[in-house]
Amino acid sequence: MFGIPLIEWIGYLASILIAISMFMKDIVKLRFINLVGSLLFAFYGFSIKAYPVAIINSIIVFINIYYLYKLYNKN
């Protein structure tokens, strides 16, 4: 689309999702949207062999999963 490779669109979408997550007042929405954005960024990073991008975003994915788990299992 528009001469831009699909992998770049994935990177743009990841950036947009992470930016949108920063506007969330609800911590669950913030963590979930950030999780999806970070997952896409990790995929993007591994795809273009940008391992620092891939690794840090993979770590962020696990951090978001951990805190979402804690939020849903408060009892």
PDB file of N, CA and C in Angstrom:
ATOM      1  N   MET A   1       0.849  -1.179   0.000  1.00  0.00           N
ATOM      2  CA  MET A   1       0.000   0.000   0.000  1.00  0.00           C
ATOM      3  C   MET A   1       0.890   1.237   0.000  1.00  0.00           C
ATOM      4  N   PHE A   2       0.632   2.143  -0.919  1.00  0.00           N
ATOM      5  CA  PHE A   2       1.385   3.394  -1.061  1.00  0.00           C
ATOM      6  C   PHE A   2       2.878   3.155  -1.244  1.00  0.00           C
ATOM      7  N   GLY A   3       3.254   1.976  -1.706  1.00  0.00           N
ATOM      8  CA  GLY A   3       4.660   1.669  -1.925  1.00  0.00           C
ATOM      9  C   GLY A   3       5.447   1.387  -0.659  1.00  0.00           C
ATOM     10  N   ILE A   4       4.762   1.254   0.468  1.00  0.00           N
ATOM     11  CA  ILE A   4       5.432   0.986   1.744  1.00  0.00           C
ATOM     12  C   ILE A   4       5.280  -0.501   2.058  1.00  0.00           C
ATOM     13  N   PRO A   5       6.380  -1.186   2.356  1.00  0.00           N
ATOM     14  CA  PRO A   5       6.294  -2.621   2.677  1.00  0.00           C
ATOM     15  C   PRO A   5       5.426  -2.876   3.913  1.00  0.00           C
ATOM     16  N   LEU A   6       4.785  -4.034   3.932  1.00  0.00           N
ATOM     17  CA  LEU A   6       3.905  -4.409   5.038  1.00  0.00           C
ATOM     18  C   LEU A   6       4.616  -4.318   6.384  1.00  0.00           C
ATOM     19  N   ILE A   7       5.864  -4.732   6.447  1.00  0.00           N
ATOM     20  CA  ILE A   7       6.585  -4.719   7.723  1.00  0.00           C
ATOM     21  C   ILE A   7       6.705  -3.300   8.273  1.00  0.00           C
ATOM     22  N   GLU A   8       6.839  -2.312   7.392  1.00  0.00           N
ATOM     23  CA  GLU A   8       6.887  -0.926   7.863  1.00  0.00           C
ATOM     24  C   GLU A   8       5.538  -0.490   8.411  1.00  0.00           C
ATOM     25  N   TRP A   9       4.447  -0.932   7.774  1.00  0.00           N
ATOM     26  CA  TRP A   9       3.114  -0.619   8.292  1.00  0.00           C
ATOM     27  C   TRP A   9       2.947  -1.195   9.698  1.00  0.00           C
ATOM     28  N   ILE A  10       3.487  -2.381   9.916  1.00  0.00           N
ATOM     29  CA  ILE A  10       3.417  -2.993  11.247  1.00  0.00           C
ATOM     30  C   ILE A  10       4.174  -2.129  12.255  1.00  0.00           C
ATOM     31  N   GLY A  11       5.324  -1.615  11.872  1.00  0.00           N
ATOM     32  CA  GLY A  11       6.089  -0.721  12.748  1.00  0.00           C
ATOM     33  C   GLY A  11       5.335   0.562  13.052  1.00  0.00           C
ATOM     34  N   TYR A  12       4.690   1.134  12.032  1.00  0.00           N
ATOM     35  CA  TYR A  12       3.894   2.353  12.244  1.00  0.00           C
ATOM     36  C   TYR A  12       2.710   2.079  13.166  1.00  0.00           C
ATOM     37  N   LEU A  13       2.024   0.959  12.931  1.00  0.00           N
ATOM     38  CA  LEU A  13       0.884   0.604  13.772  1.00  0.00           C
ATOM     39  C   LEU A  13       1.330   0.407  15.218  1.00  0.00           C
ATOM     40  N   ALA A  14       2.461  -0.249  15.413  1.00  0.00           N
ATOM     41  CA  ALA A  14       2.996  -0.448  16.764  1.00  0.00           C
ATOM     42  C   ALA A  14       3.257   0.892  17.443  1.00  0.00           C
ATOM     43  N   SER A  15       3.855   1.820  16.719  1.00  0.00           N
ATOM     44  CA  SER A  15       4.141   3.153  17.272  1.00  0.00           C
ATOM     45  C   SER A  15       2.862   3.874  17.665  1.00  0.00           C
ATOM     46  N   ILE A  16       1.870   3.802  16.796  1.00  0.00           N
ATOM     47  CA  ILE A  16       0.594   4.476  17.061  1.00  0.00           C
ATOM     48  C   ILE A  16      -0.083   3.874  18.283  1.00  0.00           C
ATOM     49  N   LEU A  17      -0.091   2.548  18.382  1.00  0.00           N
ATOM     50  CA  LEU A  17      -0.727   1.899  19.533  1.00  0.00           C
ATOM     51  C   LEU A  17      -0.035   2.268  20.839  1.00  0.00           C
ATOM     52  N   ILE A  18       1.277   2.293  20.835  1.00  0.00           N
ATOM     53  CA  ILE A  18       2.000   2.655  22.056  1.00  0.00           C
ATOM     54  C   ILE A  18       1.713   4.107  22.429  1.00  0.00           C
ATOM     55  N   ALA A  19       1.665   4.987  21.443  1.00  0.00           N
ATOM     56  CA  ALA A  19       1.344   6.393  21.721  1.00  0.00           C
ATOM     57  C   ALA A  19      -0.075   6.519  22.270  1.00  0.00           C
ATOM     58  N   ILE A  20      -1.025   5.814  21.666  1.00  0.00           N
ATOM     59  CA  ILE A  20      -2.416   5.856  22.138  1.00  0.00           C
ATOM     60  C   ILE A  20      -2.504   5.342  23.571  1.00  0.00           C
ATOM     61  N   SER A  21      -1.745   4.304  23.887  1.00  0.00           N
ATOM     62  CA  SER A  21      -1.812   3.735  25.237  1.00  0.00           C
ATOM     63  C   SER A  21      -1.433   4.758  26.305  1.00  0.00           C
ATOM     64  N   MET A  22      -0.583   5.701  25.961  1.00  0.00           N
ATOM     65  CA  MET A  22      -0.150   6.710  26.927  1.00  0.00           C
ATOM     66  C   MET A  22      -1.263   7.696  27.287  1.00  0.00           C
ATOM     67  N   PHE A  23      -2.325   7.734  26.495  1.00  0.00           N
ATOM     68  CA  PHE A  23      -3.449   8.622  26.772  1.00  0.00           C
ATOM     69  C   PHE A  23      -4.524   7.964  27.632  1.00  0.00           C
ATOM     70  N   MET A  24      -4.396   6.685  27.900  1.00  0.00           N
ATOM     71  CA  MET A  24      -5.414   5.955  28.644  1.00  0.00           C
ATOM     72  C   MET A  24      -5.369   6.308  30.130  1.00  0.00           C
ATOM     73  N   LYS A  25      -6.539   6.579  30.678  1.00  0.00           N
ATOM     74  CA  LYS A  25      -6.633   6.823  32.119  1.00  0.00           C
ATOM     75  C   LYS A  25      -6.849   5.513  32.872  1.00  0.00           C
ATOM     76  N   ASP A  26      -7.438   4.558  32.203  1.00  0.00           N
ATOM     77  CA  ASP A  26      -7.677   3.239  32.784  1.00  0.00           C
ATOM     78  C   ASP A  26      -6.407   2.397  32.606  1.00  0.00           C
ATOM     79  N   ILE A  27      -5.824   1.966  33.705  1.00  0.00           N
ATOM     80  CA  ILE A  27      -4.549   1.250  33.658  1.00  0.00           C
ATOM     81  C   ILE A  27      -4.656  -0.068  32.899  1.00  0.00           C
ATOM     82  N   VAL A  28      -5.822  -0.724  32.963  1.00  0.00           N
ATOM     83  CA  VAL A  28      -5.990  -1.985  32.236  1.00  0.00           C
ATOM     84  C   VAL A  28      -5.950  -1.727  30.735  1.00  0.00           C
ATOM     85  N   LYS A  29      -6.650  -0.694  30.282  1.00  0.00           N
ATOM     86  CA  LYS A  29      -6.624  -0.345  28.857  1.00  0.00           C
ATOM     87  C   LYS A  29      -5.211   0.049  28.433  1.00  0.00           C
ATOM     88  N   LEU A  30      -4.536   0.836  29.271  1.00  0.00           N
ATOM     89  CA  LEU A  30      -3.170   1.249  28.964  1.00  0.00           C
ATOM     90  C   LEU A  30      -2.280   0.025  28.783  1.00  0.00           C
ATOM     91  N   ARG A  31      -2.333  -0.886  29.742  1.00  0.00           N
ATOM     92  CA  ARG A  31      -1.472  -2.070  29.685  1.00  0.00           C
ATOM     93  C   ARG A  31      -1.807  -2.956  28.486  1.00  0.00           C
ATOM     94  N   PHE A  32      -3.112  -3.127  28.199  1.00  0.00           N
ATOM     95  CA  PHE A  32      -3.499  -4.004  27.096  1.00  0.00           C
ATOM     96  C   PHE A  32      -3.083  -3.420  25.745  1.00  0.00           C
ATOM     97  N   ILE A  33      -3.367  -2.145  25.525  1.00  0.00           N
ATOM     98  CA  ILE A  33      -2.999  -1.514  24.252  1.00  0.00           C
ATOM     99  C   ILE A  33      -1.479  -1.475  24.109  1.00  0.00           C
ATOM    100  N   ASN A  34      -0.788  -1.180  25.200  1.00  0.00           N
ATOM    101  CA  ASN A  34       0.673  -1.168  25.174  1.00  0.00           C
ATOM    102  C   ASN A  34       1.221  -2.570  24.903  1.00  0.00           C
ATOM    103  N   LEU A  35       0.574  -3.574  25.455  1.00  0.00           N
ATOM    104  CA  LEU A  35       0.969  -4.961  25.211  1.00  0.00           C
ATOM    105  C   LEU A  35       0.892  -5.294  23.723  1.00  0.00           C
ATOM    106  N   VAL A  36      -0.216  -4.937  23.080  1.00  0.00           N
ATOM    107  CA  VAL A  36      -0.378  -5.217  21.650  1.00  0.00           C
ATOM    108  C   VAL A  36       0.659  -4.444  20.834  1.00  0.00           C
ATOM    109  N   GLY A  37       0.851  -3.166  21.172  1.00  0.00           N
ATOM    110  CA  GLY A  37       1.848  -2.363  20.469  1.00  0.00           C
ATOM    111  C   GLY A  37       3.254  -2.914  20.632  1.00  0.00           C
ATOM    112  N   SER A  38       3.593  -3.322  21.829  1.00  0.00           N
ATOM    113  CA  SER A  38       4.927  -3.880  22.090  1.00  0.00           C
ATOM    114  C   SER A  38       5.115  -5.227  21.400  1.00  0.00           C
ATOM    115  N   LEU A  39       4.051  -6.016  21.351  1.00  0.00           N
ATOM    116  CA  LEU A  39       4.112  -7.292  20.645  1.00  0.00           C
ATOM    117  C   LEU A  39       4.379  -7.066  19.159  1.00  0.00           C
ATOM    118  N   LEU A  40       3.677  -6.097  18.574  1.00  0.00           N
ATOM    119  CA  LEU A  40       3.910  -5.764  17.166  1.00  0.00           C
ATOM    120  C   LEU A  40       5.323  -5.222  16.952  1.00  0.00           C
ATOM    121  N   PHE A  41       5.779  -4.386  17.889  1.00  0.00           N
ATOM    122  CA  PHE A  41       7.135  -3.835  17.774  1.00  0.00           C
ATOM    123  C   PHE A  41       8.194  -4.932  17.898  1.00  0.00           C
ATOM    124  N   ALA A  42       7.962  -5.903  18.773  1.00  0.00           N
ATOM    125  CA  ALA A  42       8.902  -7.016  18.902  1.00  0.00           C
ATOM    126  C   ALA A  42       8.956  -7.801  17.591  1.00  0.00           C
ATOM    127  N   PHE A  43       7.791  -8.082  17.019  1.00  0.00           N
ATOM    128  CA  PHE A  43       7.737  -8.776  15.730  1.00  0.00           C
ATOM    129  C   PHE A  43       8.462  -7.971  14.659  1.00  0.00           C
ATOM    130  N   TYR A  44       8.189  -6.681  14.635  1.00  0.00           N
ATOM    131  CA  TYR A  44       8.837  -5.775  13.678  1.00  0.00           C
ATOM    132  C   TYR A  44      10.357  -5.813  13.857  1.00  0.00           C
ATOM    133  N   GLY A  45      10.811  -5.693  15.086  1.00  0.00           N
ATOM    134  CA  GLY A  45      12.243  -5.688  15.370  1.00  0.00           C
ATOM    135  C   GLY A  45      12.935  -6.967  14.939  1.00  0.00           C
ATOM    136  N   PHE A  46      12.325  -8.113  15.259  1.00  0.00           N
ATOM    137  CA  PHE A  46      12.917  -9.383  14.831  1.00  0.00           C
ATOM    138  C   PHE A  46      12.903  -9.503  13.310  1.00  0.00           C
ATOM    139  N   SER A  47      11.840  -9.005  12.682  1.00  0.00           N
ATOM    140  CA  SER A  47      11.716  -9.107  11.219  1.00  0.00           C
ATOM    141  C   SER A  47      12.782  -8.312  10.481  1.00  0.00           C
ATOM    142  N   ILE A  48      13.138  -7.146  11.022  1.00  0.00           N
ATOM    143  CA  ILE A  48      14.146  -6.322  10.342  1.00  0.00           C
ATOM    144  C   ILE A  48      15.534  -6.493  10.973  1.00  0.00           C
ATOM    145  N   LYS A  49      15.637  -7.475  11.849  1.00  0.00           N
ATOM    146  CA  LYS A  49      16.901  -7.782  12.537  1.00  0.00           C
ATOM    147  C   LYS A  49      17.419  -6.607  13.373  1.00  0.00           C
ATOM    148  N   ALA A  50      16.478  -5.857  13.940  1.00  0.00           N
ATOM    149  CA  ALA A  50      16.817  -4.780  14.877  1.00  0.00           C
ATOM    150  C   ALA A  50      16.628  -5.366  16.277  1.00  0.00           C
ATOM    151  N   TYR A  51      17.599  -6.149  16.706  1.00  0.00           N
ATOM    152  CA  TYR A  51      17.451  -6.921  17.931  1.00  0.00           C
ATOM    153  C   TYR A  51      17.275  -6.088  19.201  1.00  0.00           C
ATOM    154  N   PRO A  52      17.908  -4.933  19.345  1.00  0.00           N
ATOM    155  CA  PRO A  52      17.622  -4.126  20.538  1.00  0.00           C
ATOM    156  C   PRO A  52      16.142  -3.727  20.623  1.00  0.00           C
ATOM    157  N   VAL A  53      15.548  -3.363  19.500  1.00  0.00           N
ATOM    158  CA  VAL A  53      14.117  -3.018  19.454  1.00  0.00           C
ATOM    159  C   VAL A  53      13.291  -4.246  19.821  1.00  0.00           C
ATOM    160  N   ALA A  54      13.628  -5.380  19.238  1.00  0.00           N
ATOM    161  CA  ALA A  54      12.883  -6.612  19.480  1.00  0.00           C
ATOM    162  C   ALA A  54      12.983  -7.062  20.935  1.00  0.00           C
ATOM    163  N   ILE A  55      14.174  -7.003  21.494  1.00  0.00           N
ATOM    164  CA  ILE A  55      14.381  -7.507  22.855  1.00  0.00           C
ATOM    165  C   ILE A  55      13.687  -6.632  23.887  1.00  0.00           C
ATOM    166  N   ILE A  56      13.853  -5.318  23.800  1.00  0.00           N
ATOM    167  CA  ILE A  56      13.222  -4.453  24.808  1.00  0.00           C
ATOM    168  C   ILE A  56      11.705  -4.537  24.725  1.00  0.00           C
ATOM    169  N   ASN A  57      11.165  -4.639  23.524  1.00  0.00           N
ATOM    170  CA  ASN A  57       9.718  -4.744  23.396  1.00  0.00           C
ATOM    171  C   ASN A  57       9.207  -6.107  23.842  1.00  0.00           C
ATOM    172  N   SER A  58      10.001  -7.145  23.671  1.00  0.00           N
ATOM    173  CA  SER A  58       9.630  -8.460  24.203  1.00  0.00           C
ATOM    174  C   SER A  58       9.579  -8.414  25.727  1.00  0.00           C
ATOM    175  N   ILE A  59      10.536  -7.740  26.328  1.00  0.00           N
ATOM    176  CA  ILE A  59      10.542  -7.585  27.786  1.00  0.00           C
ATOM    177  C   ILE A  59       9.308  -6.806  28.232  1.00  0.00           C
ATOM    178  N   ILE A  60       8.973  -5.739  27.518  1.00  0.00           N
ATOM    179  CA  ILE A  60       7.797  -4.933  27.857  1.00  0.00           C
ATOM    180  C   ILE A  60       6.522  -5.758  27.737  1.00  0.00           C
ATOM    181  N   VAL A  61       6.455  -6.653  26.749  1.00  0.00           N
ATOM    182  CA  VAL A  61       5.293  -7.544  26.612  1.00  0.00           C
ATOM    183  C   VAL A  61       5.120  -8.352  27.891  1.00  0.00           C
ATOM    184  N   PHE A  62       6.198  -8.951  28.382  1.00  0.00           N
ATOM    185  CA  PHE A  62       6.104  -9.767  29.593  1.00  0.00           C
ATOM    186  C   PHE A  62       5.782  -8.931  30.831  1.00  0.00           C
ATOM    187  N   ILE A  63       6.290  -7.724  30.901  1.00  0.00           N
ATOM    188  CA  ILE A  63       5.958  -6.836  32.019  1.00  0.00           C
ATOM    189  C   ILE A  63       4.466  -6.520  32.009  1.00  0.00           C
ATOM    190  N   ASN A  64       3.933  -6.195  30.831  1.00  0.00           N
ATOM    191  CA  ASN A  64       2.503  -5.903  30.732  1.00  0.00           C
ATOM    192  C   ASN A  64       1.656  -7.121  31.084  1.00  0.00           C
ATOM    193  N   ILE A  65       2.059  -8.298  30.622  1.00  0.00           N
ATOM    194  CA  ILE A  65       1.323  -9.521  30.970  1.00  0.00           C
ATOM    195  C   ILE A  65       1.338  -9.738  32.476  1.00  0.00           C
ATOM    196  N   TYR A  66       2.488  -9.552  33.096  1.00  0.00           N
ATOM    197  CA  TYR A  66       2.614  -9.730  34.546  1.00  0.00           C
ATOM    198  C   TYR A  66       1.661  -8.805  35.303  1.00  0.00           C
ATOM    199  N   TYR A  67       1.667  -7.514  34.947  1.00  0.00           N
ATOM    200  CA  TYR A  67       0.815  -6.569  35.665  1.00  0.00           C
ATOM    201  C   TYR A  67      -0.662  -6.746  35.341  1.00  0.00           C
ATOM    202  N   LEU A  68      -0.991  -7.142  34.125  1.00  0.00           N
ATOM    203  CA  LEU A  68      -2.392  -7.451  33.814  1.00  0.00           C
ATOM    204  C   LEU A  68      -2.853  -8.653  34.629  1.00  0.00           C
ATOM    205  N   TYR A  69      -1.993  -9.649  34.758  1.00  0.00           N
ATOM    206  CA  TYR A  69      -2.314 -10.816  35.575  1.00  0.00           C
ATOM    207  C   TYR A  69      -2.571 -10.395  37.021  1.00  0.00           C
ATOM    208  N   LYS A  70      -1.683  -9.552  37.556  1.00  0.00           N
ATOM    209  CA  LYS A  70      -1.858  -9.074  38.933  1.00  0.00           C
ATOM    210  C   LYS A  70      -3.152  -8.278  39.090  1.00  0.00           C
ATOM    211  N   LEU A  71      -3.487  -7.451  38.105  1.00  0.00           N
ATOM    212  CA  LEU A  71      -4.709  -6.651  38.178  1.00  0.00           C
ATOM    213  C   LEU A  71      -5.959  -7.522  38.164  1.00  0.00           C
ATOM    214  N   TYR A  72      -5.943  -8.585  37.382  1.00  0.00           N
ATOM    215  CA  TYR A  72      -7.112  -9.454  37.275  1.00  0.00           C
ATOM    216  C   TYR A  72      -7.191 -10.482  38.391  1.00  0.00           C
ATOM    217  N   ASN A  73      -6.130 -10.662  39.145  1.00  0.00           N
ATOM    218  CA  ASN A  73      -6.115 -11.649  40.226  1.00  0.00           C
ATOM    219  C   ASN A  73      -5.804 -10.996  41.562  1.00  0.00           C
ATOM    220  N   LYS A  74      -6.445  -9.878  41.832  1.00  0.00           N
ATOM    221  CA  LYS A  74      -6.218  -9.160  43.099  1.00  0.00           C
ATOM    222  C   LYS A  74      -6.676  -9.977  44.302  1.00  0.00           C
ATOM    223  N   ASN A  75      -7.678 -10.795  44.101  1.00  0.00           N
ATOM    224  CA  ASN A  75      -8.282 -11.525  45.230  1.00  0.00           C
ATOM    225  C   ASN A  75      -7.292 -12.442  45.803  1.00  0.00           C
TER     226      ASN A  75
END
